[in-house]
Amino acid sequence: MTIYSYKKNIAKVLLTKKVIIFDLDGTLAESKSILDKEMAGLLCVLFEKRNVAVIGGGDYKQFKKQFLDHLRCSNVGYRNLFLMPTSGARFFKFQKNKWEKVYECNLTQKEKLKILSAFKKVFRDINYQEPVKKYGTVIEDRGSQITFSALGQKAPLIEKENWNKKNDVRKKIKSALETYVPEFEIRLGGLTSIDITKKGIDKAYGIEKLLKFFNVSIREIVYVGDALYKGGNDFAVLRTGVDSIKIFGPNETKDLVRQILLIK
């Protein structure tokens, strides 16, 4: 396993890769922001040439709003695109002119209630002070994932960046949650979120599923993300041994895609 800078020897690395996996938030688009036109155009060209999977913490509805609705690709291109919402707990592929679910690992109602109860206990234990202004749902049921977003699901990027710099207490919340619900995966996501799924359901799980789906070896795929550091929401990927490319934001991803498109 190697973690590469997006500028270092990247063309040589990508020659051997049959599947490219992208993180969504912070990699293809800014956190919870829509895909811009330039990125959408580059990706449609890439889909014509390579198998591409996109994995992120949002649910399918968020993927559609943030990502799919801004693509203008041919059906041929879409057949080479694969979606893994809620950190790999769900998998969608395009067939018969529509997106169809391959699998999902939903939480049971009992599990969801236990997680929600744990949040209440943790907020009490640490004397958590909610932000005065919130934007939409703070704790969201995504079926296969419960997601806490400190400022709400619809918070503007600038507000999330400010909260992250000045008031980020997610590590404290996560540590406290682990004492109440140790049987679940608990991860920090983006700038303000905490994602909770069934044990073993994370981006590493998604990659293992992709290996079987494409019948490829670990050496034949590559992961591209902005949070490969310890504690980041891409860190689980490194357990698989997959080669990874560390980028810092969508502009670097655009440059990387341009490099990929130049490979013959």
C-alpha atoms as a PDB file:
ATOM      1  CA  MET A   1       0.000   0.000   0.000  1.00  0.00           C
ATOM      2  CA  THR A   2       1.230   3.461  -0.902  1.00  0.00           C
ATOM      3  CA  ILE A   3      -0.276   6.894  -0.245  1.00  0.00           C
ATOM      4  CA  TYR A   4       0.610   9.241  -3.102  1.00  0.00           C
ATOM      5  CA  SER A   5       0.457  12.969  -3.566  1.00  0.00           C
ATOM      6  CA  TYR A   6      -1.751  13.698  -6.565  1.00  0.00           C
ATOM      7  CA  LYS A   7       1.292  15.182  -8.332  1.00  0.00           C
ATOM      8  CA  LYS A   8       3.886  12.486  -7.639  1.00  0.00           C
ATOM      9  CA  ASN A   9       4.384   9.769 -10.282  1.00  0.00           C
ATOM     10  CA  ILE A  10       0.648   9.530 -10.599  1.00  0.00           C
ATOM     11  CA  ALA A  11       0.399   8.628 -14.290  1.00  0.00           C
ATOM     12  CA  LYS A  12       2.573   5.536 -13.772  1.00  0.00           C
ATOM     13  CA  VAL A  13       0.484   4.414 -10.796  1.00  0.00           C
ATOM     14  CA  LEU A  14      -2.831   4.775 -12.618  1.00  0.00           C
ATOM     15  CA  LEU A  15      -1.767   2.718 -15.648  1.00  0.00           C
ATOM     16  CA  THR A  16      -2.366  -0.478 -13.674  1.00  0.00           C
ATOM     17  CA  LYS A  17      -5.674   0.515 -12.074  1.00  0.00           C
ATOM     18  CA  LYS A  18      -8.965  -0.886 -13.368  1.00  0.00           C
ATOM     19  CA  VAL A  19     -11.220   0.895 -10.849  1.00  0.00           C
ATOM     20  CA  ILE A  20     -10.900   4.427  -9.449  1.00  0.00           C
ATOM     21  CA  ILE A  21     -12.767   5.152  -6.208  1.00  0.00           C
ATOM     22  CA  PHE A  22     -13.478   8.754  -5.220  1.00  0.00           C
ATOM     23  CA  ASP A  23     -14.610  10.165  -1.906  1.00  0.00           C
ATOM     24  CA  LEU A  24     -17.439  12.685  -2.445  1.00  0.00           C
ATOM     25  CA  ASP A  25     -17.373  15.513   0.123  1.00  0.00           C
ATOM     26  CA  GLY A  26     -14.131  17.468   0.065  1.00  0.00           C
ATOM     27  CA  THR A  27     -12.895  15.527  -2.975  1.00  0.00           C
ATOM     28  CA  LEU A  28     -15.377  15.809  -5.855  1.00  0.00           C
ATOM     29  CA  ALA A  29     -17.351  18.657  -4.265  1.00  0.00           C
ATOM     30  CA  GLU A  30     -17.045  20.906  -1.254  1.00  0.00           C
ATOM     31  CA  SER A  31     -18.803  19.644   1.886  1.00  0.00           C
ATOM     32  CA  LYS A  32     -22.538  19.186   1.120  1.00  0.00           C
ATOM     33  CA  SER A  33     -22.119  21.500  -1.898  1.00  0.00           C
ATOM     34  CA  ILE A  34     -23.211  20.658  -5.437  1.00  0.00           C
ATOM     35  CA  LEU A  35     -20.863  19.341  -8.085  1.00  0.00           C
ATOM     36  CA  ASP A  36     -19.678  22.253 -10.224  1.00  0.00           C
ATOM     37  CA  LYS A  37     -19.985  22.240 -14.028  1.00  0.00           C
ATOM     38  CA  GLU A  38     -16.268  21.833 -14.695  1.00  0.00           C
ATOM     39  CA  MET A  39     -16.005  18.780 -12.442  1.00  0.00           C
ATOM     40  CA  ALA A  40     -19.194  17.314 -13.911  1.00  0.00           C
ATOM     41  CA  GLY A  41     -17.810  17.643 -17.446  1.00  0.00           C
ATOM     42  CA  LEU A  42     -14.472  16.058 -16.565  1.00  0.00           C
ATOM     43  CA  LEU A  43     -16.154  13.159 -14.787  1.00  0.00           C
ATOM     44  CA  CYS A  44     -18.459  12.381 -17.714  1.00  0.00           C
ATOM     45  CA  VAL A  45     -15.404  12.013 -19.946  1.00  0.00           C
ATOM     46  CA  LEU A  46     -13.709   9.851 -17.319  1.00  0.00           C
ATOM     47  CA  PHE A  47     -16.739   7.548 -17.042  1.00  0.00           C
ATOM     48  CA  GLU A  48     -16.456   6.798 -20.755  1.00  0.00           C
ATOM     49  CA  LYS A  49     -12.920   5.470 -20.208  1.00  0.00           C
ATOM     50  CA  ARG A  50     -12.723   4.023 -16.690  1.00  0.00           C
ATOM     51  CA  ASN A  51     -14.788   2.233 -14.044  1.00  0.00           C
ATOM     52  CA  VAL A  52     -15.423   4.756 -11.274  1.00  0.00           C
ATOM     53  CA  ALA A  53     -17.022   4.340  -7.841  1.00  0.00           C
ATOM     54  CA  VAL A  54     -18.037   7.208  -5.566  1.00  0.00           C
ATOM     55  CA  ILE A  55     -18.339   6.634  -1.819  1.00  0.00           C
ATOM     56  CA  GLY A  56     -19.451   9.063   0.887  1.00  0.00           C
ATOM     57  CA  GLY A  57     -21.313   9.474   4.142  1.00  0.00           C
ATOM     58  CA  GLY A  58     -24.481  10.945   2.639  1.00  0.00           C
ATOM     59  CA  ASP A  59     -27.538   8.864   1.788  1.00  0.00           C
ATOM     60  CA  TYR A  60     -28.741   8.206  -1.768  1.00  0.00           C
ATOM     61  CA  LYS A  61     -30.977  11.279  -1.663  1.00  0.00           C
ATOM     62  CA  GLN A  62     -27.958  13.445  -0.818  1.00  0.00           C
ATOM     63  CA  PHE A  63     -25.885  11.793  -3.577  1.00  0.00           C
ATOM     64  CA  LYS A  64     -28.624  12.594  -6.075  1.00  0.00           C
ATOM     65  CA  LYS A  65     -29.008  16.212  -4.972  1.00  0.00           C
ATOM     66  CA  GLN A  66     -25.300  16.926  -4.665  1.00  0.00           C
ATOM     67  CA  PHE A  67     -23.834  14.740  -7.403  1.00  0.00           C
ATOM     68  CA  LEU A  68     -26.100  12.906  -9.847  1.00  0.00           C
ATOM     69  CA  ASP A  69     -28.419  15.823 -10.650  1.00  0.00           C
ATOM     70  CA  HIS A  70     -25.474  17.837 -11.970  1.00  0.00           C
ATOM     71  CA  LEU A  71     -24.050  15.229 -14.338  1.00  0.00           C
ATOM     72  CA  ARG A  72     -24.961  15.252 -18.024  1.00  0.00           C
ATOM     73  CA  CYS A  73     -23.400  11.969 -19.116  1.00  0.00           C
ATOM     74  CA  SER A  74     -24.401   9.373 -21.682  1.00  0.00           C
ATOM     75  CA  ASN A  75     -25.961   6.116 -20.535  1.00  0.00           C
ATOM     76  CA  VAL A  76     -22.725   4.408 -21.581  1.00  0.00           C
ATOM     77  CA  GLY A  77     -20.844   6.557 -19.091  1.00  0.00           C
ATOM     78  CA  TYR A  78     -23.319   5.916 -16.306  1.00  0.00           C
ATOM     79  CA  ARG A  79     -22.838   2.171 -16.761  1.00  0.00           C
ATOM     80  CA  ASN A  80     -19.232   2.673 -15.651  1.00  0.00           C
ATOM     81  CA  LEU A  81     -20.258   4.657 -12.542  1.00  0.00           C
ATOM     82  CA  PHE A  82     -21.070   2.981  -9.215  1.00  0.00           C
ATOM     83  CA  LEU A  83     -22.444   4.681  -6.099  1.00  0.00           C
ATOM     84  CA  MET A  84     -21.822   3.763  -2.458  1.00  0.00           C
ATOM     85  CA  PRO A  85     -23.799   6.070  -0.131  1.00  0.00           C
ATOM     86  CA  THR A  86     -23.676   5.965   3.675  1.00  0.00           C
ATOM     87  CA  SER A  87     -20.000   4.984   3.736  1.00  0.00           C
ATOM     88  CA  GLY A  88     -20.466   1.790   1.722  1.00  0.00           C
ATOM     89  CA  ALA A  89     -23.549   0.519   3.560  1.00  0.00           C
ATOM     90  CA  ARG A  90     -25.441   0.788   0.248  1.00  0.00           C
ATOM     91  CA  PHE A  91     -24.396   0.079  -3.342  1.00  0.00           C
ATOM     92  CA  PHE A  92     -26.105   1.260  -6.555  1.00  0.00           C
ATOM     93  CA  LYS A  93     -25.394   0.561 -10.215  1.00  0.00           C
ATOM     94  CA  PHE A  94     -26.984   1.904 -13.409  1.00  0.00           C
ATOM     95  CA  GLN A  95     -28.934  -0.574 -15.487  1.00  0.00           C
ATOM     96  CA  LYS A  96     -32.091  -0.463 -17.640  1.00  0.00           C
ATOM     97  CA  ASN A  97     -31.761   3.346 -17.663  1.00  0.00           C
ATOM     98  CA  LYS A  98     -32.110   3.753 -13.903  1.00  0.00           C
ATOM     99  CA  TRP A  99     -30.165   3.437 -10.667  1.00  0.00           C
ATOM    100  CA  GLU A 100     -30.789   0.124  -8.950  1.00  0.00           C
ATOM    101  CA  LYS A 101     -29.744  -0.986  -5.497  1.00  0.00           C
ATOM    102  CA  VAL A 102     -27.312  -3.911  -5.323  1.00  0.00           C
ATOM    103  CA  TYR A 103     -27.348  -4.228  -1.521  1.00  0.00           C
ATOM    104  CA  GLU A 104     -27.989  -2.305   1.699  1.00  0.00           C
ATOM    105  CA  CYS A 105     -27.116  -2.858   5.355  1.00  0.00           C
ATOM    106  CA  ASN A 106     -29.847  -0.997   7.223  1.00  0.00           C
ATOM    107  CA  LEU A 107     -29.953  -0.482  10.963  1.00  0.00           C
ATOM    108  CA  THR A 108     -32.895  -2.069  12.774  1.00  0.00           C
ATOM    109  CA  GLN A 109     -35.390   0.133  14.589  1.00  0.00           C
ATOM    110  CA  LYS A 110     -34.061  -1.153  17.909  1.00  0.00           C
ATOM    111  CA  GLU A 111     -30.501  -0.216  16.911  1.00  0.00           C
ATOM    112  CA  LYS A 112     -31.570   3.251  15.812  1.00  0.00           C
ATOM    113  CA  LEU A 113     -33.356   3.915  19.099  1.00  0.00           C
ATOM    114  CA  LYS A 114     -30.303   2.771  21.059  1.00  0.00           C
ATOM    115  CA  ILE A 115     -28.058   5.164  19.102  1.00  0.00           C
ATOM    116  CA  LEU A 116     -30.443   8.092  19.550  1.00  0.00           C
ATOM    117  CA  SER A 117     -30.638   7.373  23.276  1.00  0.00           C
ATOM    118  CA  ALA A 118     -26.819   7.308  23.432  1.00  0.00           C
ATOM    119  CA  PHE A 119     -26.617  10.776  21.892  1.00  0.00           C
ATOM    120  CA  LYS A 120     -28.979  12.140  24.558  1.00  0.00           C
ATOM    121  CA  LYS A 121     -26.898  10.598  27.334  1.00  0.00           C
ATOM    122  CA  VAL A 122     -23.643  11.899  25.879  1.00  0.00           C
ATOM    123  CA  PHE A 123     -24.957  15.444  25.445  1.00  0.00           C
ATOM    124  CA  ARG A 124     -25.998  15.366  29.114  1.00  0.00           C
ATOM    125  CA  ASP A 125     -22.719  13.843  30.296  1.00  0.00           C
ATOM    126  CA  ILE A 126     -20.459  16.363  28.562  1.00  0.00           C
ATOM    127  CA  ASN A 127     -22.825  19.317  29.021  1.00  0.00           C
ATOM    128  CA  TYR A 128     -22.932  19.813  25.259  1.00  0.00           C
ATOM    129  CA  GLN A 129     -23.946  23.314  24.200  1.00  0.00           C
ATOM    130  CA  GLU A 130     -25.880  23.322  20.930  1.00  0.00           C
ATOM    131  CA  PRO A 131     -25.157  26.116  18.441  1.00  0.00           C
ATOM    132  CA  VAL A 132     -27.663  28.954  18.711  1.00  0.00           C
ATOM    133  CA  LYS A 133     -28.495  28.746  15.022  1.00  0.00           C
ATOM    134  CA  LYS A 134     -29.052  25.448  13.250  1.00  0.00           C
ATOM    135  CA  TYR A 135     -29.825  24.646   9.626  1.00  0.00           C
ATOM    136  CA  GLY A 136     -32.135  21.676   9.257  1.00  0.00           C
ATOM    137  CA  THR A 137     -32.030  18.270  10.941  1.00  0.00           C
ATOM    138  CA  VAL A 138     -29.197  17.749  13.434  1.00  0.00           C
ATOM    139  CA  ILE A 139     -29.523  13.968  13.912  1.00  0.00           C
ATOM    140  CA  GLU A 140     -30.655  12.265  10.697  1.00  0.00           C
ATOM    141  CA  ASP A 141     -31.812   8.701  10.133  1.00  0.00           C
ATOM    142  CA  ARG A 142     -30.276   7.594   6.827  1.00  0.00           C
ATOM    143  CA  GLY A 143     -31.537   4.026   7.057  1.00  0.00           C
ATOM    144  CA  SER A 144     -28.152   2.355   7.131  1.00  0.00           C
ATOM    145  CA  GLN A 145     -26.557   5.187   9.096  1.00  0.00           C
ATOM    146  CA  ILE A 146     -27.375   7.705  11.822  1.00  0.00           C
ATOM    147  CA  THR A 147     -25.626  11.010  11.196  1.00  0.00           C
ATOM    148  CA  PHE A 148     -25.129  13.873  13.638  1.00  0.00           C
ATOM    149  CA  SER A 149     -24.431  17.244  12.020  1.00  0.00           C
ATOM    150  CA  ALA A 150     -23.644  19.892  14.625  1.00  0.00           C
ATOM    151  CA  LEU A 151     -25.156  22.781  12.642  1.00  0.00           C
ATOM    152  CA  GLY A 152     -27.813  20.781  10.810  1.00  0.00           C
ATOM    153  CA  GLN A 153     -27.802  19.042   7.442  1.00  0.00           C
ATOM    154  CA  LYS A 154     -28.276  22.247   5.423  1.00  0.00           C
ATOM    155  CA  ALA A 155     -25.645  24.461   7.063  1.00  0.00           C
ATOM    156  CA  PRO A 156     -23.683  26.754   4.701  1.00  0.00           C
ATOM    157  CA  LEU A 157     -20.083  25.746   4.082  1.00  0.00           C
ATOM    158  CA  ILE A 158     -18.663  28.920   5.646  1.00  0.00           C
ATOM    159  CA  GLU A 159     -20.605  28.288   8.868  1.00  0.00           C
ATOM    160  CA  LYS A 160     -19.352  24.693   9.025  1.00  0.00           C
ATOM    161  CA  GLU A 161     -15.765  25.804   8.464  1.00  0.00           C
ATOM    162  CA  ASN A 162     -16.045  28.347  11.280  1.00  0.00           C
ATOM    163  CA  TRP A 163     -17.570  25.796  13.676  1.00  0.00           C
ATOM    164  CA  ASN A 164     -14.886  23.262  12.780  1.00  0.00           C
ATOM    165  CA  LYS A 165     -12.099  25.737  13.584  1.00  0.00           C
ATOM    166  CA  LYS A 166     -13.559  27.193  16.770  1.00  0.00           C
ATOM    167  CA  ASN A 167     -16.035  24.770  18.350  1.00  0.00           C
ATOM    168  CA  ASP A 168     -15.332  21.248  17.111  1.00  0.00           C
ATOM    169  CA  VAL A 169     -16.088  18.909  20.033  1.00  0.00           C
ATOM    170  CA  ARG A 170     -16.774  15.817  17.909  1.00  0.00           C
ATOM    171  CA  LYS A 171     -13.816  13.836  19.262  1.00  0.00           C
ATOM    172  CA  LYS A 172     -15.194  14.309  22.764  1.00  0.00           C
ATOM    173  CA  ILE A 173     -18.687  13.267  21.630  1.00  0.00           C
ATOM    174  CA  LYS A 174     -17.283  10.260  19.748  1.00  0.00           C
ATOM    175  CA  SER A 175     -15.262   9.098  22.741  1.00  0.00           C
ATOM    176  CA  ALA A 176     -18.321   9.330  24.984  1.00  0.00           C
ATOM    177  CA  LEU A 177     -20.540   7.545  22.451  1.00  0.00           C
ATOM    178  CA  GLU A 178     -18.103   4.645  22.312  1.00  0.00           C
ATOM    179  CA  THR A 179     -18.785   3.909  25.993  1.00  0.00           C
ATOM    180  CA  TYR A 180     -22.548   3.631  25.350  1.00  0.00           C
ATOM    181  CA  VAL A 181     -22.655   1.954  21.932  1.00  0.00           C
ATOM    182  CA  PRO A 182     -19.308   0.183  21.409  1.00  0.00           C
ATOM    183  CA  GLU A 183     -20.973  -2.366  19.110  1.00  0.00           C
ATOM    184  CA  PHE A 184     -21.294   0.221  16.303  1.00  0.00           C
ATOM    185  CA  GLU A 185     -18.850   1.959  13.962  1.00  0.00           C
ATOM    186  CA  ILE A 186     -18.522   5.645  14.936  1.00  0.00           C
ATOM    187  CA  ARG A 187     -16.636   7.974  12.596  1.00  0.00           C
ATOM    188  CA  LEU A 188     -16.052  11.686  12.155  1.00  0.00           C
ATOM    189  CA  GLY A 189     -17.216  12.912   8.751  1.00  0.00           C
ATOM    190  CA  GLY A 190     -16.638  16.168   6.883  1.00  0.00           C
ATOM    191  CA  LEU A 191     -16.437  19.316   8.993  1.00  0.00           C
ATOM    192  CA  THR A 192     -19.292  18.880  11.472  1.00  0.00           C
ATOM    193  CA  SER A 193     -20.599  15.302  11.287  1.00  0.00           C
ATOM    194  CA  ILE A 194     -20.451  12.026  13.167  1.00  0.00           C
ATOM    195  CA  ASP A 195     -21.605   8.900  11.285  1.00  0.00           C
ATOM    196  CA  ILE A 196     -22.744   5.691  13.004  1.00  0.00           C
ATOM    197  CA  THR A 197     -23.275   2.382  11.193  1.00  0.00           C
ATOM    198  CA  LYS A 198     -23.312  -1.317  12.023  1.00  0.00           C
ATOM    199  CA  LYS A 199     -19.957  -2.696  13.158  1.00  0.00           C
ATOM    200  CA  GLY A 200     -17.665  -3.348  10.237  1.00  0.00           C
ATOM    201  CA  ILE A 201     -19.620  -1.105   7.850  1.00  0.00           C
ATOM    202  CA  ASP A 202     -17.260   1.610   6.660  1.00  0.00           C
ATOM    203  CA  LYS A 203     -15.364   2.579   3.526  1.00  0.00           C
ATOM    204  CA  ALA A 204     -13.092  -0.455   3.898  1.00  0.00           C
ATOM    205  CA  TYR A 205     -16.210  -2.634   3.777  1.00  0.00           C
ATOM    206  CA  GLY A 206     -17.302  -0.818   0.612  1.00  0.00           C
ATOM    207  CA  ILE A 207     -13.955  -1.433  -1.033  1.00  0.00           C
ATOM    208  CA  GLU A 208     -14.072  -5.145  -0.189  1.00  0.00           C
ATOM    209  CA  LYS A 209     -17.487  -5.295  -1.867  1.00  0.00           C
ATOM    210  CA  LEU A 210     -16.111  -3.550  -4.960  1.00  0.00           C
ATOM    211  CA  LEU A 211     -13.205  -6.016  -5.182  1.00  0.00           C
ATOM    212  CA  LYS A 212     -15.689  -8.893  -5.369  1.00  0.00           C
ATOM    213  CA  PHE A 213     -18.076  -7.072  -7.699  1.00  0.00           C
ATOM    214  CA  PHE A 214     -15.357  -6.272 -10.261  1.00  0.00           C
ATOM    215  CA  ASN A 215     -13.370  -9.455  -9.564  1.00  0.00           C
ATOM    216  CA  VAL A 216     -10.129  -7.497  -9.306  1.00  0.00           C
ATOM    217  CA  SER A 217      -7.179  -7.601  -6.931  1.00  0.00           C
ATOM    218  CA  ILE A 218      -6.346  -4.893  -4.405  1.00  0.00           C
ATOM    219  CA  ARG A 219      -3.489  -3.811  -6.704  1.00  0.00           C
ATOM    220  CA  GLU A 220      -5.946  -2.976  -9.480  1.00  0.00           C
ATOM    221  CA  ILE A 221      -7.901  -0.276  -7.679  1.00  0.00           C
ATOM    222  CA  VAL A 222      -6.998   3.153  -6.311  1.00  0.00           C
ATOM    223  CA  TYR A 223      -8.732   5.392  -3.785  1.00  0.00           C
ATOM    224  CA  VAL A 224      -8.810   9.199  -3.971  1.00  0.00           C
ATOM    225  CA  GLY A 225      -9.732  11.199  -0.870  1.00  0.00           C
ATOM    226  CA  ASP A 226      -9.007  14.233   1.270  1.00  0.00           C
ATOM    227  CA  ALA A 227      -9.190  12.669   4.761  1.00  0.00           C
ATOM    228  CA  LEU A 228      -6.742   9.756   4.767  1.00  0.00           C
ATOM    229  CA  TYR A 229      -5.195  10.926   8.046  1.00  0.00           C
ATOM    230  CA  LYS A 230      -5.848   9.084  11.320  1.00  0.00           C
ATOM    231  CA  GLY A 231      -9.353   9.940  12.473  1.00  0.00           C
ATOM    232  CA  GLY A 232     -10.397  11.119   9.007  1.00  0.00           C
ATOM    233  CA  ASN A 233     -13.407   9.549   7.311  1.00  0.00           C
ATOM    234  CA  ASP A 234     -11.180   8.010   4.617  1.00  0.00           C
ATOM    235  CA  PHE A 235      -8.749   6.433   7.100  1.00  0.00           C
ATOM    236  CA  ALA A 236     -10.587   3.082   7.181  1.00  0.00           C
ATOM    237  CA  VAL A 237      -9.675   2.626   3.509  1.00  0.00           C
ATOM    238  CA  LEU A 238      -6.030   2.086   4.455  1.00  0.00           C
ATOM    239  CA  ARG A 239      -6.894  -1.159   6.280  1.00  0.00           C
ATOM    240  CA  THR A 240      -7.554  -2.773   2.906  1.00  0.00           C
ATOM    241  CA  GLY A 241      -4.034  -2.099   1.634  1.00  0.00           C
ATOM    242  CA  VAL A 242      -5.333  -0.196  -1.378  1.00  0.00           C
ATOM    243  CA  ASP A 243      -3.077   2.410  -2.998  1.00  0.00           C
ATOM    244  CA  SER A 244      -4.463   5.854  -2.240  1.00  0.00           C
ATOM    245  CA  ILE A 245      -4.050   9.369  -3.567  1.00  0.00           C
ATOM    246  CA  LYS A 246      -4.203  12.198  -1.054  1.00  0.00           C
ATOM    247  CA  ILE A 247      -5.745  15.390  -2.394  1.00  0.00           C
ATOM    248  CA  PHE A 248      -6.793  18.703  -0.856  1.00  0.00           C
ATOM    249  CA  GLY A 249     -10.109  19.737  -2.340  1.00  0.00           C
ATOM    250  CA  PRO A 250     -11.970  19.555  -5.657  1.00  0.00           C
ATOM    251  CA  ASN A 251      -9.492  21.690  -7.601  1.00  0.00           C
ATOM    252  CA  GLU A 252      -6.728  19.151  -7.046  1.00  0.00           C
ATOM    253  CA  THR A 253      -9.165  16.382  -8.000  1.00  0.00           C
ATOM    254  CA  LYS A 254      -9.885  18.156 -11.292  1.00  0.00           C
ATOM    255  CA  ASP A 255      -6.164  18.287 -12.026  1.00  0.00           C
ATOM    256  CA  LEU A 256      -5.868  14.589 -11.175  1.00  0.00           C
ATOM    257  CA  VAL A 257      -8.751  13.680 -13.521  1.00  0.00           C
ATOM    258  CA  ARG A 258      -7.103  15.654 -16.319  1.00  0.00           C
ATOM    259  CA  GLN A 259      -3.913  13.612 -15.760  1.00  0.00           C
ATOM    260  CA  ILE A 260      -5.909  10.378 -15.893  1.00  0.00           C
ATOM    261  CA  LEU A 261      -7.580  11.411 -19.156  1.00  0.00           C
ATOM    262  CA  LEU A 262      -4.164  11.930 -20.753  1.00  0.00           C
ATOM    263  CA  ILE A 263      -3.113   8.328 -20.048  1.00  0.00           C
ATOM    264  CA  LYS A 264      -3.261   6.183 -23.180  1.00  0.00           C
END
